[in-house]
Amino acid sequence: MVKFASYLAAHLMESLRRLICAIRGHEDYLQFEKNRVYLQCISCGHESPGWTVDARRPVLRFQSRRVKTASQGLMRKIA
């Protein structure tokens, strides 16, 4: 009987959290895993599908407008 009461209380609290999120919206925070980024609600634990993150770096699709000269790398101004 005690287990049932504890289960019922936990189920009711979870339902209340979900109801509050349904009324006012989720409190989403950005979460990071090894190869995944997703949003997770702090109140009810709902997770968005998220995005997968590859180890590859993005490909440069345009040339920079800056022209790098040899003196830029050698000289350093000190305040």
C-alpha atoms as a PDB file:
ATOM      1  CA  MET A   1       0.000   0.000   0.000  1.00  0.00           C
ATOM      2  CA  VAL A   2       2.860   2.392   0.785  1.00  0.00           C
ATOM      3  CA  LYS A   3       4.466   1.695  -2.606  1.00  0.00           C
ATOM      4  CA  PHE A   4       1.187   2.428  -4.358  1.00  0.00           C
ATOM      5  CA  ALA A   5       0.748   5.728  -2.473  1.00  0.00           C
ATOM      6  CA  SER A   6       4.305   6.754  -3.327  1.00  0.00           C
ATOM      7  CA  TYR A   7       3.778   5.798  -6.991  1.00  0.00           C
ATOM      8  CA  LEU A   8       0.489   7.708  -7.099  1.00  0.00           C
ATOM      9  CA  ALA A   9       2.065  10.840  -5.544  1.00  0.00           C
ATOM     10  CA  ALA A  10       4.980  10.745  -8.024  1.00  0.00           C
ATOM     11  CA  HIS A  11       2.594  10.253 -10.962  1.00  0.00           C
ATOM     12  CA  LEU A  12       0.409  13.165  -9.835  1.00  0.00           C
ATOM     13  CA  MET A  13       3.429  15.467  -9.426  1.00  0.00           C
ATOM     14  CA  GLU A  14       4.700  14.547 -12.900  1.00  0.00           C
ATOM     15  CA  SER A  15       1.255  15.212 -14.369  1.00  0.00           C
ATOM     16  CA  LEU A  16       1.119  18.580 -12.594  1.00  0.00           C
ATOM     17  CA  ARG A  17       4.541  19.553 -14.008  1.00  0.00           C
ATOM     18  CA  ARG A  18       3.422  18.645 -17.519  1.00  0.00           C
ATOM     19  CA  LEU A  19       0.181  20.593 -17.076  1.00  0.00           C
ATOM     20  CA  ILE A  20       2.087  23.692 -15.967  1.00  0.00           C
ATOM     21  CA  CYS A  21       4.369  23.381 -19.017  1.00  0.00           C
ATOM     22  CA  ALA A  22       1.326  22.957 -21.262  1.00  0.00           C
ATOM     23  CA  ILE A  23      -0.189  26.175 -19.899  1.00  0.00           C
ATOM     24  CA  ARG A  24       2.811  28.498 -19.769  1.00  0.00           C
ATOM     25  CA  GLY A  25       5.324  26.714 -22.011  1.00  0.00           C
ATOM     26  CA  HIS A  26       8.538  24.813 -21.409  1.00  0.00           C
ATOM     27  CA  GLU A  27      11.574  26.303 -19.659  1.00  0.00           C
ATOM     28  CA  ASP A  28      14.091  25.156 -22.258  1.00  0.00           C
ATOM     29  CA  TYR A  29      17.797  25.193 -21.569  1.00  0.00           C
ATOM     30  CA  LEU A  30      20.539  24.218 -23.982  1.00  0.00           C
ATOM     31  CA  GLN A  31      22.100  20.846 -23.159  1.00  0.00           C
ATOM     32  CA  PHE A  32      25.274  19.348 -24.619  1.00  0.00           C
ATOM     33  CA  GLU A  33      26.307  15.737 -25.067  1.00  0.00           C
ATOM     34  CA  LYS A  34      29.285  14.310 -26.942  1.00  0.00           C
ATOM     35  CA  ASN A  35      27.752  14.431 -30.449  1.00  0.00           C
ATOM     36  CA  ARG A  36      24.411  16.106 -29.747  1.00  0.00           C
ATOM     37  CA  VAL A  37      22.987  19.491 -28.789  1.00  0.00           C
ATOM     38  CA  TYR A  38      19.362  19.735 -27.647  1.00  0.00           C
ATOM     39  CA  LEU A  39      16.878  21.739 -25.592  1.00  0.00           C
ATOM     40  CA  GLN A  40      15.592  20.260 -22.336  1.00  0.00           C
ATOM     41  CA  CYS A  41      12.801  21.583 -20.114  1.00  0.00           C
ATOM     42  CA  ILE A  42      13.895  21.992 -16.503  1.00  0.00           C
ATOM     43  CA  SER A  43      10.353  21.499 -15.149  1.00  0.00           C
ATOM     44  CA  CYS A  44       9.125  18.366 -16.929  1.00  0.00           C
ATOM     45  CA  GLY A  45      12.265  16.958 -18.603  1.00  0.00           C
ATOM     46  CA  HIS A  46      10.935  17.220 -22.173  1.00  0.00           C
ATOM     47  CA  GLU A  47      13.735  17.028 -24.779  1.00  0.00           C
ATOM     48  CA  SER A  48      13.712  18.486 -28.277  1.00  0.00           C
ATOM     49  CA  PRO A  49      14.943  16.276 -31.150  1.00  0.00           C
ATOM     50  CA  GLY A  50      18.157  18.314 -31.110  1.00  0.00           C
ATOM     51  CA  TRP A  51      21.020  18.493 -33.561  1.00  0.00           C
ATOM     52  CA  THR A  52      23.906  16.148 -34.195  1.00  0.00           C
ATOM     53  CA  VAL A  53      27.375  17.651 -34.118  1.00  0.00           C
ATOM     54  CA  ASP A  54      30.060  16.323 -36.442  1.00  0.00           C
ATOM     55  CA  ALA A  55      33.747  16.480 -35.645  1.00  0.00           C
ATOM     56  CA  ARG A  56      34.359  18.010 -39.071  1.00  0.00           C
ATOM     57  CA  ARG A  57      34.996  21.727 -39.329  1.00  0.00           C
ATOM     58  CA  PRO A  58      32.859  23.878 -41.625  1.00  0.00           C
ATOM     59  CA  VAL A  59      34.147  24.436 -45.157  1.00  0.00           C
ATOM     60  CA  LEU A  60      35.198  27.992 -46.052  1.00  0.00           C
ATOM     61  CA  ARG A  61      32.907  29.072 -48.885  1.00  0.00           C
ATOM     62  CA  PHE A  62      34.275  32.569 -49.534  1.00  0.00           C
ATOM     63  CA  GLN A  63      37.587  34.343 -49.466  1.00  0.00           C
ATOM     64  CA  SER A  64      38.290  36.872 -46.759  1.00  0.00           C
ATOM     65  CA  ARG A  65      38.341  40.531 -47.747  1.00  0.00           C
ATOM     66  CA  ARG A  66      41.342  41.108 -45.519  1.00  0.00           C
ATOM     67  CA  VAL A  67      44.741  40.976 -47.089  1.00  0.00           C
ATOM     68  CA  LYS A  68      47.301  39.576 -44.714  1.00  0.00           C
ATOM     69  CA  THR A  69      50.759  41.068 -45.021  1.00  0.00           C
ATOM     70  CA  ALA A  70      53.983  39.664 -43.674  1.00  0.00           C
ATOM     71  CA  SER A  71      54.362  42.530 -41.197  1.00  0.00           C
ATOM     72  CA  GLN A  72      51.008  41.855 -39.532  1.00  0.00           C
ATOM     73  CA  GLY A  73      52.198  38.608 -38.053  1.00  0.00           C
ATOM     74  CA  LEU A  74      55.572  39.950 -36.924  1.00  0.00           C
ATOM     75  CA  MET A  75      54.758  43.285 -35.275  1.00  0.00           C
ATOM     76  CA  ARG A  76      52.744  43.558 -32.104  1.00  0.00           C
ATOM     77  CA  LYS A  77      51.640  46.814 -30.547  1.00  0.00           C
ATOM     78  CA  ILE A  78      51.873  47.126 -26.783  1.00  0.00           C
ATOM     79  CA  ALA A  79      49.732  49.724 -25.047  1.00  0.00           C
END
